[in-house]
C-alpha atoms as a PDB file:
ATOM      1  CA  UNK A   1      42.665 -58.594-237.458  1.00  0.00           C
ATOM      2  CA  UNK A   2      45.449 -58.808-240.059  1.00  0.00           C
ATOM      3  CA  UNK A   3      48.965 -60.194-239.463  1.00  0.00           C
ATOM      4  CA  UNK A   4      50.739 -56.842-238.894  1.00  0.00           C
ATOM      5  CA  UNK A   5      48.125 -55.752-236.338  1.00  0.00           C
ATOM      6  CA  UNK A   6      48.340 -59.113-234.589  1.00  0.00           C
ATOM      7  CA  UNK A   7      52.124 -58.848-234.356  1.00  0.00           C
ATOM      8  CA  UNK A   8      52.042 -55.271-233.124  1.00  0.00           C
ATOM      9  CA  UNK A   9      49.431 -56.153-230.487  1.00  0.00           C
ATOM     10  CA  UNK A  10      50.792 -59.470-229.191  1.00  0.00           C
ATOM     11  CA  UNK A  11      54.367 -59.653-230.492  1.00  0.00           C
ATOM     12  CA  UNK A  12      56.228 -58.762-227.301  1.00  0.00           C
ATOM     13  CA  UNK A  13      54.021 -61.089-225.236  1.00  0.00           C
ATOM     14  CA  UNK A  14      54.742 -63.873-227.730  1.00  0.00           C
ATOM     15  CA  UNK A  15      58.466 -63.182-227.375  1.00  0.00           C
ATOM     16  CA  UNK A  16      58.237 -63.373-223.586  1.00  0.00           C
ATOM     17  CA  UNK A  17      56.217 -66.595-223.612  1.00  0.00           C
ATOM     18  CA  UNK A  18      58.380 -68.129-226.330  1.00  0.00           C
ATOM     19  CA  UNK A  19      61.635 -67.335-224.581  1.00  0.00           C
ATOM     20  CA  UNK A  20      60.307 -68.685-221.296  1.00  0.00           C
ATOM     21  CA  UNK A  21      59.971 -71.925-223.262  1.00  0.00           C
ATOM     22  CA  UNK A  22      63.322 -71.222-224.978  1.00  0.00           C
ATOM     23  CA  UNK A  23      61.832 -71.293-228.457  1.00  0.00           C
ATOM     24  CA  UNK A  24      64.247 -69.799-230.978  1.00  0.00           C
ATOM     25  CA  UNK A  25      61.563 -69.737-233.638  1.00  0.00           C
ATOM     26  CA  UNK A  26      59.517 -67.132-231.785  1.00  0.00           C
ATOM     27  CA  UNK A  27      62.599 -64.950-231.381  1.00  0.00           C
ATOM     28  CA  UNK A  28      63.609 -65.390-235.028  1.00  0.00           C
ATOM     29  CA  UNK A  29      60.109 -64.401-236.088  1.00  0.00           C
ATOM     30  CA  UNK A  30      60.240 -61.383-233.774  1.00  0.00           C
ATOM     31  CA  UNK A  31      63.583 -60.332-235.300  1.00  0.00           C
ATOM     32  CA  UNK A  32      62.027 -60.656-238.724  1.00  0.00           C
ATOM     33  CA  UNK A  33      59.001 -58.637-237.535  1.00  0.00           C
ATOM     34  CA  UNK A  34      61.402 -55.975-236.245  1.00  0.00           C
ATOM     35  CA  UNK A  35      62.974 -55.776-239.681  1.00  0.00           C
ATOM     36  CA  UNK A  36      59.515 -55.309-241.158  1.00  0.00           C
ATOM     37  CA  UNK A  37      58.876 -52.466-238.701  1.00  0.00           C
ATOM     38  CA  UNK A  38      56.176 -54.183-236.628  1.00  0.00           C
ATOM     39  CA  UNK A  39      58.340 -54.511-233.505  1.00  0.00           C
ATOM     40  CA  UNK A  40      61.357 -52.672-232.139  1.00  0.00           C
ATOM     41  CA  UNK A  41      64.528 -54.826-232.221  1.00  0.00           C
ATOM     42  CA  UNK A  42      66.053 -53.548-228.930  1.00  0.00           C
ATOM     43  CA  UNK A  43      62.754 -54.177-227.130  1.00  0.00           C
ATOM     44  CA  UNK A  44      62.497 -57.647-228.706  1.00  0.00           C
ATOM     45  CA  UNK A  45      66.007 -58.448-227.462  1.00  0.00           C
ATOM     46  CA  UNK A  46      65.268 -56.993-224.009  1.00  0.00           C
ATOM     47  CA  UNK A  47      62.085 -59.026-223.583  1.00  0.00           C
ATOM     48  CA  UNK A  48      63.909 -62.144-224.810  1.00  0.00           C
ATOM     49  CA  UNK A  49      66.724 -61.572-222.308  1.00  0.00           C
ATOM     50  CA  UNK A  50      64.218 -61.374-219.460  1.00  0.00           C
ATOM     51  CA  UNK A  51      62.322 -64.469-220.596  1.00  0.00           C
ATOM     52  CA  UNK A  52      65.437 -66.521-221.209  1.00  0.00           C
ATOM     53  CA  UNK A  53      66.992 -65.541-217.871  1.00  0.00           C
ATOM     54  CA  UNK A  54      63.792 -66.365-216.001  1.00  0.00           C
ATOM     55  CA  UNK A  55      63.432 -69.707-217.814  1.00  0.00           C
ATOM     56  CA  UNK A  56      66.660 -71.099-216.356  1.00  0.00           C
ATOM     57  CA  UNK A  57      66.323 -69.881-212.786  1.00  0.00           C
ATOM     58  CA  UNK A  58      63.694 -72.419-211.645  1.00  0.00           C
ATOM     59  CA  UNK A  59      65.750 -75.299-213.043  1.00  0.00           C
ATOM     60  CA  UNK A  60      68.797 -74.157-211.071  1.00  0.00           C
ATOM     61  CA  UNK A  61      66.801 -73.813-207.841  1.00  0.00           C
ATOM     62  CA  UNK A  62      65.034 -77.125-208.455  1.00  0.00           C
ATOM     63  CA  UNK A  63      68.417 -78.821-208.847  1.00  0.00           C
ATOM     64  CA  UNK A  64      69.727 -77.078-205.746  1.00  0.00           C
ATOM     65  CA  UNK A  65      66.786 -78.066-203.562  1.00  0.00           C
ATOM     66  CA  UNK A  66      65.527 -81.392-204.935  1.00  0.00           C
ATOM     67  CA  UNK A  67      68.103 -82.589-207.476  1.00  0.00           C
ATOM     68  CA  UNK A  68      69.119 -85.963-206.054  1.00  0.00           C
ATOM     69  CA  UNK A  69      65.580 -86.831-204.941  1.00  0.00           C
ATOM     70  CA  UNK A  70      64.168 -86.078-208.379  1.00  0.00           C
ATOM     71  CA  UNK A  71      66.823 -88.116-210.181  1.00  0.00           C
ATOM     72  CA  UNK A  72      66.100 -91.088-207.927  1.00  0.00           C
ATOM     73  CA  UNK A  73      62.379 -90.743-208.575  1.00  0.00           C
ATOM     74  CA  UNK A  74      62.747 -90.112-212.349  1.00  0.00           C
ATOM     75  CA  UNK A  75      65.843 -92.061-213.438  1.00  0.00           C
ATOM     76  CA  UNK A  76      65.256 -91.373-217.151  1.00  0.00           C
ATOM     77  CA  UNK A  77      66.457 -87.799-216.513  1.00  0.00           C
ATOM     78  CA  UNK A  78      69.669 -88.952-214.862  1.00  0.00           C
ATOM     79  CA  UNK A  79      71.519 -89.512-218.146  1.00  0.00           C
ATOM     80  CA  UNK A  80      71.032 -85.967-219.572  1.00  0.00           C
ATOM     81  CA  UNK A  81      71.899 -84.470-216.187  1.00  0.00           C
ATOM     82  CA  UNK A  82      75.038 -86.617-215.884  1.00  0.00           C
ATOM     83  CA  UNK A  83      76.107 -85.629-219.430  1.00  0.00           C
ATOM     84  CA  UNK A  84      75.540 -81.989-218.521  1.00  0.00           C
ATOM     85  CA  UNK A  85      77.563 -82.391-215.298  1.00  0.00           C
ATOM     86  CA  UNK A  86      80.446 -83.959-217.234  1.00  0.00           C
ATOM     87  CA  UNK A  87      80.501 -81.106-219.737  1.00  0.00           C
ATOM     88  CA  UNK A  88      80.130 -78.522-216.971  1.00  0.00           C
ATOM     89  CA  UNK A  89      83.117 -79.915-215.107  1.00  0.00           C
ATOM     90  CA  UNK A  90      85.228 -79.308-218.199  1.00  0.00           C
ATOM     91  CA  UNK A  91      83.703 -76.155-219.719  1.00  0.00           C
ATOM     92  CA  UNK A  92      81.602 -74.486-217.023  1.00  0.00           C
ATOM     93  CA  UNK A  93      81.691 -70.803-218.060  1.00  0.00           C
ATOM     94  CA  UNK A  94      81.546 -71.245-221.874  1.00  0.00           C
ATOM     95  CA  UNK A  95      78.837 -73.879-221.506  1.00  0.00           C
ATOM     96  CA  UNK A  96      76.652 -71.686-219.285  1.00  0.00           C
ATOM     97  CA  UNK A  97      76.998 -68.819-221.747  1.00  0.00           C
ATOM     98  CA  UNK A  98      76.013 -71.007-224.706  1.00  0.00           C
ATOM     99  CA  UNK A  99      73.708 -73.684-223.220  1.00  0.00           C
ATOM    100  CA  UNK A 100      70.625 -72.083-224.777  1.00  0.00           C
ATOM    101  CA  UNK A 101      71.958 -72.970-228.220  1.00  0.00           C
ATOM    102  CA  UNK A 102      72.189 -76.709-227.410  1.00  0.00           C
ATOM    103  CA  UNK A 103      68.939 -78.642-227.254  1.00  0.00           C
ATOM    104  CA  UNK A 104      69.058 -81.002-224.305  1.00  0.00           C
ATOM    105  CA  UNK A 105      71.327 -78.783-222.224  1.00  0.00           C
ATOM    106  CA  UNK A 106      68.827 -75.957-221.836  1.00  0.00           C
ATOM    107  CA  UNK A 107      67.177 -77.455-218.802  1.00  0.00           C
ATOM    108  CA  UNK A 108      69.666 -80.157-217.852  1.00  0.00           C
ATOM    109  CA  UNK A 109      72.597 -77.745-217.431  1.00  0.00           C
ATOM    110  CA  UNK A 110      70.900 -75.331-214.992  1.00  0.00           C
ATOM    111  CA  UNK A 111      69.491 -78.304-213.084  1.00  0.00           C
ATOM    112  CA  UNK A 112      72.931 -79.956-212.912  1.00  0.00           C
ATOM    113  CA  UNK A 113      74.546 -76.674-211.888  1.00  0.00           C
ATOM    114  CA  UNK A 114      72.011 -76.326-209.107  1.00  0.00           C
ATOM    115  CA  UNK A 115      73.010 -79.751-207.830  1.00  0.00           C
ATOM    116  CA  UNK A 116      76.664 -78.720-207.719  1.00  0.00           C
ATOM    117  CA  UNK A 117      78.671 -76.296-205.613  1.00  0.00           C
ATOM    118  CA  UNK A 118      78.319 -73.253-207.890  1.00  0.00           C
ATOM    119  CA  UNK A 119      77.306 -70.169-205.890  1.00  0.00           C
ATOM    120  CA  UNK A 120      73.867 -68.790-206.771  1.00  0.00           C
ATOM    121  CA  UNK A 121      75.139 -65.307-207.654  1.00  0.00           C
ATOM    122  CA  UNK A 122      77.811 -66.769-209.931  1.00  0.00           C
ATOM    123  CA  UNK A 123      75.155 -68.748-211.817  1.00  0.00           C
ATOM    124  CA  UNK A 124      72.850 -65.746-212.041  1.00  0.00           C
ATOM    125  CA  UNK A 125      75.621 -63.539-213.460  1.00  0.00           C
ATOM    126  CA  UNK A 126      76.523 -66.149-216.080  1.00  0.00           C
ATOM    127  CA  UNK A 127      72.856 -66.841-216.772  1.00  0.00           C
ATOM    128  CA  UNK A 128      72.149 -63.176-217.557  1.00  0.00           C
ATOM    129  CA  UNK A 129      75.277 -63.053-219.735  1.00  0.00           C
ATOM    130  CA  UNK A 130      74.134 -66.127-221.639  1.00  0.00           C
ATOM    131  CA  UNK A 131      70.616 -64.722-221.977  1.00  0.00           C
ATOM    132  CA  UNK A 132      71.995 -61.497-223.459  1.00  0.00           C
ATOM    133  CA  UNK A 133      74.233 -63.380-225.890  1.00  0.00           C
ATOM    134  CA  UNK A 134      71.448 -65.765-226.996  1.00  0.00           C
ATOM    135  CA  UNK A 135      68.771 -63.085-227.353  1.00  0.00           C
ATOM    136  CA  UNK A 136      70.962 -60.732-229.358  1.00  0.00           C
ATOM    137  CA  UNK A 137      72.251 -63.449-231.700  1.00  0.00           C
ATOM    138  CA  UNK A 138      68.856 -65.022-232.418  1.00  0.00           C
ATOM    139  CA  UNK A 139      66.917 -61.735-232.709  1.00  0.00           C
ATOM    140  CA  UNK A 140      69.626 -60.289-234.952  1.00  0.00           C
ATOM    141  CA  UNK A 141      69.481 -63.497-237.014  1.00  0.00           C
ATOM    142  CA  UNK A 142      65.771 -62.949-237.655  1.00  0.00           C
ATOM    143  CA  UNK A 143      66.420 -59.309-238.510  1.00  0.00           C
ATOM    144  CA  UNK A 144      69.238 -60.297-240.889  1.00  0.00           C
ATOM    145  CA  UNK A 145      66.984 -62.955-242.437  1.00  0.00           C
ATOM    146  CA  UNK A 146      64.474 -60.205-243.255  1.00  0.00           C
ATOM    147  CA  UNK A 147      67.201 -57.997-244.680  1.00  0.00           C
ATOM    148  CA  UNK A 148      68.581 -60.774-246.914  1.00  0.00           C
ATOM    149  CA  UNK A 149      65.133 -61.725-248.169  1.00  0.00           C
ATOM    150  CA  UNK A 150      64.334 -58.102-248.904  1.00  0.00           C
ATOM    151  CA  UNK A 151      67.526 -57.783-250.935  1.00  0.00           C
ATOM    152  CA  UNK A 152      66.717 -60.971-252.823  1.00  0.00           C
ATOM    153  CA  UNK A 153      62.988 -60.435-253.374  1.00  0.00           C
ATOM    154  CA  UNK A 154      62.565 -56.683-253.291  1.00  0.00           C
ATOM    155  CA  UNK A 155      59.291 -55.593-251.704  1.00  0.00           C
ATOM    156  CA  UNK A 156      58.649 -58.094-248.908  1.00  0.00           C
ATOM    157  CA  UNK A 157      55.120 -56.867-248.294  1.00  0.00           C
ATOM    158  CA  UNK A 158      54.004 -59.220-251.085  1.00  0.00           C
ATOM    159  CA  UNK A 159      55.697 -62.219-249.445  1.00  0.00           C
ATOM    160  CA  UNK A 160      55.758 -61.459-245.725  1.00  0.00           C
ATOM    161  CA  UNK A 161      52.828 -63.672-244.719  1.00  0.00           C
ATOM    162  CA  UNK A 162      54.366 -66.566-246.625  1.00  0.00           C
ATOM    163  CA  UNK A 163      57.766 -65.891-245.047  1.00  0.00           C
ATOM    164  CA  UNK A 164      56.258 -65.759-241.556  1.00  0.00           C
ATOM    165  CA  UNK A 165      54.487 -69.049-242.248  1.00  0.00           C
ATOM    166  CA  UNK A 166      57.658 -70.681-243.613  1.00  0.00           C
ATOM    167  CA  UNK A 167      59.640 -69.550-240.560  1.00  0.00           C
ATOM    168  CA  UNK A 168      56.930 -70.752-238.188  1.00  0.00           C
ATOM    169  CA  UNK A 169      56.564 -74.132-239.894  1.00  0.00           C
ATOM    170  CA  UNK A 170      60.324 -74.541-240.108  1.00  0.00           C
ATOM    171  CA  UNK A 171      60.610 -73.766-236.414  1.00  0.00           C
ATOM    172  CA  UNK A 172      57.917 -76.278-235.519  1.00  0.00           C
ATOM    173  CA  UNK A 173      59.635 -78.963-237.609  1.00  0.00           C
ATOM    174  CA  UNK A 174      62.968 -78.156-235.933  1.00  0.00           C
ATOM    175  CA  UNK A 175      61.308 -78.343-232.494  1.00  0.00           C
ATOM    176  CA  UNK A 176      59.560 -81.621-233.337  1.00  0.00           C
ATOM    177  CA  UNK A 177      62.758 -83.256-234.647  1.00  0.00           C
ATOM    178  CA  UNK A 178      64.732 -82.208-231.570  1.00  0.00           C
ATOM    179  CA  UNK A 179      61.900 -83.291-229.279  1.00  0.00           C
ATOM    180  CA  UNK A 180      61.882 -86.746-230.883  1.00  0.00           C
ATOM    181  CA  UNK A 181      65.677 -86.933-230.697  1.00  0.00           C
ATOM    182  CA  UNK A 182      65.775 -86.153-226.958  1.00  0.00           C
ATOM    183  CA  UNK A 183      62.810 -88.412-226.042  1.00  0.00           C
END
């Protein structure tokens, strides 16, 4: 099976799984694939919105139900949660709408919000708003990346496998660096 067929067959599932893990790289690649005509950009964004929204809900409910107990049992997580709580006290709405863009806040912020007094429906409304914003920006970024490369290189069909590989490797390096930074 060649790369285009693989993307057309499994692309939307990859977007869903990737956004459940809040992986921008998968969404950037899907935006690029949409530019190449293998996926449909509105569907990519829609699937990403669903995955991103669903990714934060368990953290909120976990914080609501077991937050203090978990922090006592796993004190190494207390510092990121406390930092998130401090930022949330000052910038609650803007932070919820943009938390997906900040590594370290993606899970800590919903967890911290769950521990606080925020009503569930208020969080869910802001969570869906943030998911829409994040999905559209990142997917459009991948699409724009494809457009810019096509303008610079001409026929991308000659380079698309290399570009997909470069994006994937770059995303893995970005993930690894951020993982090491937050460990």
